[in-house]
């Protein structure tokens, strides 16, 4: 049992070391988003636009996660097919939706270009205003 627990902890931290964003759900959303600034992608894995954004989001996260986290800025995602009520609570009406939160409060929806550079520029501009 201890080795299973240790393996889970190791994989969790290994994912973050590789620049993985946080997978948020109904159980951990509020506790996480209440701390710092969060850029969160709400998506459906069957959505064509979401499939197109997925590699861009992954690259954005991999390239920027560590530098942003050092400034208490976090990157997360919510699968709305699994956590539809969470997406409804956050007024997600289409996919993908990218929202900015600061200390648990919705700030704005990101409506800019869906490119790695544009997302990084946006995130860095929001770090500067926190």
N, C-alpha and C. Protein backbone atom coordinates (compact mmCIF):
# COMPACT_ATOMS: atom_id res chain seq x y z
N UNK A 1 0.82 -1.19 0.00
CA UNK A 1 0.00 0.00 0.00
C UNK A 1 0.86 1.25 0.00
N UNK A 2 1.92 1.23 0.81
CA UNK A 2 2.81 2.39 0.86
C UNK A 2 3.48 2.63 -0.48
N UNK A 3 3.85 1.54 -1.17
CA UNK A 3 4.52 1.71 -2.46
C UNK A 3 3.55 2.26 -3.50
N UNK A 4 2.28 1.87 -3.43
CA UNK A 4 1.28 2.42 -4.35
C UNK A 4 1.12 3.91 -4.12
N UNK A 5 1.01 4.30 -2.86
CA UNK A 5 0.89 5.71 -2.52
C UNK A 5 2.11 6.49 -2.99
N UNK A 6 3.29 5.95 -2.76
CA UNK A 6 4.53 6.61 -3.19
C UNK A 6 4.57 6.74 -4.70
N UNK A 7 4.10 5.72 -5.41
CA UNK A 7 4.08 5.77 -6.88
C UNK A 7 3.15 6.86 -7.38
N UNK A 8 1.99 6.97 -6.75
CA UNK A 8 1.03 8.00 -7.16
C UNK A 8 1.61 9.39 -6.92
N UNK A 9 2.23 9.59 -5.78
CA UNK A 9 2.85 10.89 -5.47
C UNK A 9 3.96 11.19 -6.46
N UNK A 10 4.78 10.20 -6.77
CA UNK A 10 5.87 10.39 -7.72
C UNK A 10 5.32 10.81 -9.08
N UNK A 11 4.30 10.10 -9.57
CA UNK A 11 3.73 10.42 -10.88
C UNK A 11 3.11 11.81 -10.89
N UNK A 12 2.48 12.19 -9.79
CA UNK A 12 1.89 13.52 -9.68
C UNK A 12 2.95 14.59 -9.85
N UNK A 13 4.05 14.47 -9.11
CA UNK A 13 5.10 15.48 -9.19
C UNK A 13 5.87 15.38 -10.50
N UNK A 14 6.00 14.20 -11.06
CA UNK A 14 6.67 14.04 -12.35
C UNK A 14 5.88 14.77 -13.44
N UNK A 15 4.57 14.71 -13.37
CA UNK A 15 3.75 15.42 -14.36
C UNK A 15 4.00 16.91 -14.29
N UNK A 16 4.09 17.47 -13.08
CA UNK A 16 4.35 18.89 -12.95
C UNK A 16 5.75 19.25 -13.40
N UNK A 17 6.70 18.38 -13.18
CA UNK A 17 8.08 18.64 -13.62
C UNK A 17 8.16 18.70 -15.13
N UNK A 18 7.25 17.99 -15.81
CA UNK A 18 7.25 17.99 -17.27
C UNK A 18 6.40 19.13 -17.83
N UNK A 19 5.90 20.01 -17.01
CA UNK A 19 5.14 21.15 -17.49
C UNK A 19 3.69 20.85 -17.77
N UNK A 20 3.10 19.93 -17.04
CA UNK A 20 1.70 19.60 -17.22
C UNK A 20 0.83 20.58 -16.43
N UNK A 21 -0.29 20.98 -17.04
CA UNK A 21 -1.20 21.83 -16.31
C UNK A 21 -1.95 21.01 -15.26
N UNK A 22 -2.71 21.68 -14.42
CA UNK A 22 -3.48 21.01 -13.38
C UNK A 22 -4.82 20.58 -13.94
N UNK A 23 -5.17 19.34 -13.71
CA UNK A 23 -6.48 18.84 -14.10
C UNK A 23 -7.42 19.14 -12.94
N UNK A 24 -8.38 20.00 -13.20
CA UNK A 24 -9.30 20.43 -12.15
C UNK A 24 -10.62 19.68 -12.28
N UNK A 25 -11.29 19.48 -11.15
CA UNK A 25 -12.58 18.80 -11.15
C UNK A 25 -13.45 19.42 -10.06
N UNK A 26 -14.63 18.86 -9.88
CA UNK A 26 -15.58 19.40 -8.91
C UNK A 26 -15.03 19.37 -7.49
N UNK A 27 -14.16 18.40 -7.20
CA UNK A 27 -13.64 18.26 -5.84
C UNK A 27 -12.49 19.21 -5.54
N UNK A 28 -11.69 19.58 -6.55
CA UNK A 28 -10.50 20.39 -6.25
C UNK A 28 -10.51 21.79 -6.85
N UNK A 29 -11.53 22.13 -7.61
CA UNK A 29 -11.56 23.41 -8.31
C UNK A 29 -11.45 24.59 -7.36
N UNK A 30 -12.38 24.71 -6.43
CA UNK A 30 -12.41 25.88 -5.53
C UNK A 30 -11.14 25.98 -4.69
N UNK A 31 -10.70 24.88 -4.13
CA UNK A 31 -9.50 24.90 -3.28
C UNK A 31 -8.28 25.38 -4.04
N UNK A 32 -8.16 24.97 -5.29
CA UNK A 32 -7.01 25.40 -6.09
C UNK A 32 -7.15 26.83 -6.57
N UNK A 33 -8.30 27.14 -7.16
CA UNK A 33 -8.49 28.43 -7.81
C UNK A 33 -8.56 29.58 -6.80
N UNK A 34 -8.86 29.28 -5.56
CA UNK A 34 -8.87 30.31 -4.51
C UNK A 34 -7.49 30.89 -4.25
N UNK A 35 -6.46 30.19 -4.68
CA UNK A 35 -5.07 30.62 -4.43
C UNK A 35 -4.40 31.08 -5.71
N UNK A 36 -4.03 32.33 -5.77
CA UNK A 36 -3.29 32.85 -6.91
C UNK A 36 -4.17 33.18 -8.10
N UNK A 37 -3.53 33.24 -9.25
CA UNK A 37 -4.19 33.54 -10.52
C UNK A 37 -4.18 32.28 -11.37
N UNK A 38 -5.30 32.01 -12.03
CA UNK A 38 -5.45 30.79 -12.82
C UNK A 38 -5.97 31.11 -14.22
N UNK A 39 -5.37 30.49 -15.21
CA UNK A 39 -5.89 30.49 -16.58
C UNK A 39 -6.38 29.07 -16.83
N UNK A 40 -7.69 28.93 -17.04
CA UNK A 40 -8.30 27.61 -17.09
C UNK A 40 -9.01 27.40 -18.42
N UNK A 41 -8.68 26.26 -19.03
CA UNK A 41 -9.34 25.85 -20.28
C UNK A 41 -10.46 24.88 -19.93
N UNK A 42 -11.68 25.23 -20.34
CA UNK A 42 -12.84 24.35 -20.21
C UNK A 42 -13.04 23.73 -21.59
N UNK A 43 -13.15 22.40 -21.65
CA UNK A 43 -13.17 21.75 -22.96
C UNK A 43 -14.01 20.49 -22.95
N UNK A 44 -14.25 19.99 -24.15
CA UNK A 44 -14.85 18.68 -24.37
C UNK A 44 -13.90 17.91 -25.27
N UNK A 45 -13.53 16.69 -24.91
CA UNK A 45 -12.58 15.94 -25.73
C UNK A 45 -13.12 15.56 -27.11
N UNK A 46 -14.43 15.69 -27.33
CA UNK A 46 -15.00 15.36 -28.64
C UNK A 46 -15.14 16.58 -29.55
N UNK A 47 -14.88 17.75 -29.03
CA UNK A 47 -15.04 19.01 -29.78
C UNK A 47 -13.86 19.21 -30.73
N UNK A 48 -14.15 19.48 -31.99
CA UNK A 48 -13.10 19.70 -32.98
C UNK A 48 -12.20 20.87 -32.66
N UNK A 49 -12.78 21.97 -32.22
CA UNK A 49 -11.98 23.14 -31.85
C UNK A 49 -11.08 22.83 -30.66
N UNK A 50 -11.60 22.04 -29.73
CA UNK A 50 -10.81 21.64 -28.55
C UNK A 50 -9.64 20.75 -28.95
N UNK A 51 -9.90 19.85 -29.90
CA UNK A 51 -8.83 18.97 -30.38
C UNK A 51 -7.73 19.79 -31.05
N UNK A 52 -8.12 20.84 -31.76
CA UNK A 52 -7.13 21.71 -32.40
C UNK A 52 -6.34 22.52 -31.38
N UNK A 53 -7.00 22.94 -30.32
CA UNK A 53 -6.33 23.72 -29.28
C UNK A 53 -5.43 22.86 -28.39
N UNK A 54 -5.73 21.58 -28.25
CA UNK A 54 -5.02 20.71 -27.29
C UNK A 54 -3.49 20.76 -27.43
N UNK A 55 -2.91 20.60 -28.62
CA UNK A 55 -1.44 20.65 -28.70
C UNK A 55 -0.88 22.04 -28.43
N UNK A 56 -1.63 23.07 -28.78
CA UNK A 56 -1.21 24.45 -28.50
C UNK A 56 -1.19 24.67 -26.99
N UNK A 57 -2.26 24.25 -26.32
CA UNK A 57 -2.36 24.39 -24.86
C UNK A 57 -1.26 23.61 -24.16
N UNK A 58 -1.00 22.40 -24.64
CA UNK A 58 0.04 21.56 -24.05
C UNK A 58 1.41 22.22 -24.20
N UNK A 59 1.68 22.77 -25.38
CA UNK A 59 2.97 23.45 -25.60
C UNK A 59 3.06 24.70 -24.74
N UNK A 60 1.99 25.49 -24.70
CA UNK A 60 1.95 26.69 -23.85
C UNK A 60 2.26 26.32 -22.41
N UNK A 61 1.61 25.28 -21.91
CA UNK A 61 1.82 24.84 -20.53
C UNK A 61 3.25 24.37 -20.31
N UNK A 62 3.75 23.54 -21.21
CA UNK A 62 5.11 23.00 -21.06
C UNK A 62 6.16 24.10 -21.06
N UNK A 63 5.97 25.11 -21.89
CA UNK A 63 6.97 26.17 -22.03
C UNK A 63 6.89 27.24 -20.94
N UNK A 64 5.74 27.36 -20.29
CA UNK A 64 5.53 28.51 -19.40
C UNK A 64 5.16 28.16 -17.96
N UNK A 65 4.80 26.93 -17.69
CA UNK A 65 4.26 26.58 -16.38
C UNK A 65 5.20 26.92 -15.23
N UNK A 66 6.45 26.52 -15.33
CA UNK A 66 7.37 26.76 -14.21
C UNK A 66 7.59 28.24 -13.93
N UNK A 67 7.80 29.03 -14.97
CA UNK A 67 8.04 30.46 -14.74
C UNK A 67 6.79 31.15 -14.22
N UNK A 68 5.62 30.73 -14.69
CA UNK A 68 4.38 31.34 -14.20
C UNK A 68 4.08 30.91 -12.76
N UNK A 69 4.28 29.63 -12.46
CA UNK A 69 3.99 29.15 -11.10
C UNK A 69 4.87 29.84 -10.07
N UNK A 70 6.07 30.20 -10.46
CA UNK A 70 6.95 30.90 -9.52
C UNK A 70 6.39 32.27 -9.15
N UNK A 71 5.40 32.74 -9.93
CA UNK A 71 4.75 34.02 -9.66
C UNK A 71 3.29 33.82 -9.23
N UNK A 72 2.98 32.60 -8.75
CA UNK A 72 1.65 32.25 -8.27
C UNK A 72 0.58 32.36 -9.35
N UNK A 73 0.97 32.05 -10.58
CA UNK A 73 0.05 32.00 -11.73
C UNK A 73 0.02 30.55 -12.19
N UNK A 74 -1.18 30.01 -12.31
CA UNK A 74 -1.33 28.58 -12.59
C UNK A 74 -2.14 28.35 -13.86
N UNK A 75 -1.92 27.19 -14.46
CA UNK A 75 -2.61 26.80 -15.68
C UNK A 75 -3.38 25.52 -15.37
N UNK A 76 -4.67 25.51 -15.74
CA UNK A 76 -5.48 24.33 -15.46
C UNK A 76 -6.47 24.05 -16.57
N UNK A 77 -7.13 22.92 -16.45
CA UNK A 77 -8.16 22.56 -17.42
C UNK A 77 -9.25 21.73 -16.76
N UNK A 78 -10.46 21.84 -17.33
CA UNK A 78 -11.62 21.12 -16.83
C UNK A 78 -12.28 20.42 -18.02
N UNK A 79 -12.47 19.12 -17.91
CA UNK A 79 -13.19 18.35 -18.93
C UNK A 79 -14.68 18.47 -18.63
N UNK A 80 -15.39 19.19 -19.47
CA UNK A 80 -16.81 19.47 -19.22
C UNK A 80 -17.70 18.26 -19.48
N UNK A 81 -17.19 17.23 -20.15
CA UNK A 81 -17.98 16.01 -20.30
C UNK A 81 -18.01 15.22 -18.99
N UNK A 82 -17.01 15.41 -18.16
CA UNK A 82 -16.95 14.74 -16.86
C UNK A 82 -17.51 15.62 -15.74
N UNK A 83 -17.36 16.92 -15.87
CA UNK A 83 -17.73 17.85 -14.79
C UNK A 83 -18.62 18.96 -15.35
N UNK A 84 -19.71 18.55 -15.96
CA UNK A 84 -20.64 19.49 -16.59
C UNK A 84 -21.20 20.52 -15.63
N UNK A 85 -21.51 20.10 -14.40
CA UNK A 85 -22.07 21.06 -13.44
C UNK A 85 -21.05 22.13 -13.08
N UNK A 86 -19.77 21.76 -13.03
CA UNK A 86 -18.71 22.74 -12.76
C UNK A 86 -18.62 23.74 -13.91
N UNK A 87 -18.75 23.25 -15.12
CA UNK A 87 -18.72 24.14 -16.29
C UNK A 87 -19.95 25.05 -16.30
N UNK A 88 -21.10 24.50 -15.93
CA UNK A 88 -22.32 25.32 -15.84
C UNK A 88 -22.16 26.41 -14.78
N UNK A 89 -21.60 26.06 -13.63
CA UNK A 89 -21.39 27.04 -12.56
C UNK A 89 -20.48 28.18 -13.01
N UNK A 90 -19.58 27.87 -13.94
CA UNK A 90 -18.64 28.88 -14.44
C UNK A 90 -19.11 29.50 -15.74
N UNK A 91 -20.40 29.29 -16.06
CA UNK A 91 -21.06 29.91 -17.22
C UNK A 91 -20.34 29.63 -18.54
N UNK A 92 -19.88 28.38 -18.68
CA UNK A 92 -19.23 27.96 -19.92
C UNK A 92 -20.34 27.57 -20.89
N UNK A 93 -20.42 28.31 -22.01
CA UNK A 93 -21.48 28.08 -22.98
C UNK A 93 -20.99 27.43 -24.26
N UNK A 94 -19.69 27.35 -24.45
CA UNK A 94 -19.13 26.74 -25.65
C UNK A 94 -17.73 26.26 -25.37
N UNK A 95 -17.22 25.46 -26.29
CA UNK A 95 -15.89 24.87 -26.09
C UNK A 95 -14.97 25.21 -27.25
N UNK A 96 -13.72 25.39 -26.99
CA UNK A 96 -13.12 25.57 -25.67
C UNK A 96 -13.37 26.99 -25.16
N UNK A 97 -13.46 27.13 -23.87
CA UNK A 97 -13.54 28.43 -23.21
C UNK A 97 -12.33 28.55 -22.30
N UNK A 98 -11.66 29.69 -22.35
CA UNK A 98 -10.49 29.93 -21.50
C UNK A 98 -10.80 31.12 -20.60
N UNK A 99 -10.84 30.86 -19.30
CA UNK A 99 -11.18 31.90 -18.33
C UNK A 99 -10.01 32.21 -17.41
N UNK A 100 -9.94 33.46 -17.01
CA UNK A 100 -8.94 33.91 -16.04
C UNK A 100 -9.64 34.13 -14.70
N UNK A 101 -9.04 33.60 -13.64
CA UNK A 101 -9.54 33.76 -12.28
C UNK A 101 -8.42 34.31 -11.40
N UNK A 102 -8.80 35.16 -10.47
CA UNK A 102 -7.83 35.67 -9.50
C UNK A 102 -8.42 35.49 -8.10
N UNK A 103 -7.73 34.72 -7.28
CA UNK A 103 -8.17 34.42 -5.90
C UNK A 103 -9.61 33.92 -5.87
N UNK A 104 -9.93 33.02 -6.80
CA UNK A 104 -11.23 32.38 -6.83
C UNK A 104 -12.33 33.16 -7.52
N UNK A 105 -12.02 34.35 -8.01
CA UNK A 105 -13.03 35.20 -8.63
C UNK A 105 -12.78 35.28 -10.14
N UNK A 106 -13.84 35.05 -10.92
CA UNK A 106 -13.74 35.17 -12.37
C UNK A 106 -13.34 36.60 -12.73
N UNK A 107 -12.34 36.75 -13.59
CA UNK A 107 -11.89 38.07 -14.03
C UNK A 107 -12.38 38.35 -15.44
N UNK A 108 -12.06 37.44 -16.38
CA UNK A 108 -12.47 37.64 -17.76
C UNK A 108 -12.27 36.36 -18.56
N UNK A 109 -12.92 36.33 -19.72
CA UNK A 109 -12.71 35.25 -20.67
C UNK A 109 -11.63 35.67 -21.65
N UNK A 110 -10.70 34.78 -21.92
CA UNK A 110 -9.67 35.05 -22.92
C UNK A 110 -10.28 34.83 -24.29
N UNK A 111 -10.21 35.87 -25.14
CA UNK A 111 -10.79 35.78 -26.48
C UNK A 111 -9.75 36.03 -27.57
N UNK A 112 -8.49 36.03 -27.18
CA UNK A 112 -7.42 36.30 -28.13
C UNK A 112 -7.10 35.11 -29.01
N UNK A 113 -6.04 35.25 -29.80
CA UNK A 113 -5.62 34.17 -30.71
C UNK A 113 -5.28 32.89 -29.94
N UNK A 114 -5.54 31.77 -30.58
CA UNK A 114 -5.29 30.47 -29.97
C UNK A 114 -3.93 29.94 -30.43
N UNK A 115 -2.88 30.66 -30.03
CA UNK A 115 -1.51 30.26 -30.35
C UNK A 115 -0.69 30.24 -29.07
N UNK A 116 0.38 29.47 -29.09
CA UNK A 116 1.25 29.37 -27.92
C UNK A 116 1.78 30.74 -27.51
N UNK A 117 2.27 31.49 -28.49
CA UNK A 117 2.84 32.81 -28.19
C UNK A 117 1.79 33.77 -27.63
N UNK A 118 0.59 33.77 -28.22
CA UNK A 118 -0.46 34.68 -27.76
C UNK A 118 -0.90 34.33 -26.33
N UNK A 119 -1.04 33.05 -26.05
CA UNK A 119 -1.42 32.63 -24.69
C UNK A 119 -0.34 33.01 -23.68
N UNK A 120 0.93 32.82 -24.06
CA UNK A 120 2.04 33.17 -23.16
C UNK A 120 2.08 34.67 -22.92
N UNK A 121 1.89 35.44 -23.96
CA UNK A 121 1.91 36.90 -23.82
C UNK A 121 0.76 37.36 -22.91
N UNK A 122 -0.41 36.78 -23.12
CA UNK A 122 -1.57 37.12 -22.30
C UNK A 122 -1.30 36.77 -20.83
N UNK A 123 -0.83 35.56 -20.57
CA UNK A 123 -0.57 35.13 -19.19
C UNK A 123 0.46 36.03 -18.53
N UNK A 124 1.52 36.34 -19.24
CA UNK A 124 2.57 37.20 -18.66
C UNK A 124 2.05 38.61 -18.39
N UNK A 125 1.14 39.08 -19.23
CA UNK A 125 0.57 40.42 -18.99
C UNK A 125 -0.32 40.41 -17.75
N UNK A 126 -0.95 39.29 -17.47
CA UNK A 126 -1.81 39.19 -16.28
C UNK A 126 -1.00 38.99 -15.02
N UNK A 127 0.17 38.38 -15.12
CA UNK A 127 1.08 38.27 -13.97
C UNK A 127 1.50 39.66 -13.55
N UNK A 128 1.78 40.51 -14.52
CA UNK A 128 2.25 41.87 -14.25
C UNK A 128 1.20 42.70 -13.53
N UNK A 129 -0.09 42.34 -13.67
CA UNK A 129 -1.16 43.13 -13.07
C UNK A 129 -1.64 42.56 -11.74
N UNK A 130 -1.03 41.47 -11.28
CA UNK A 130 -1.50 40.88 -10.01
C UNK A 130 -0.88 41.56 -8.83
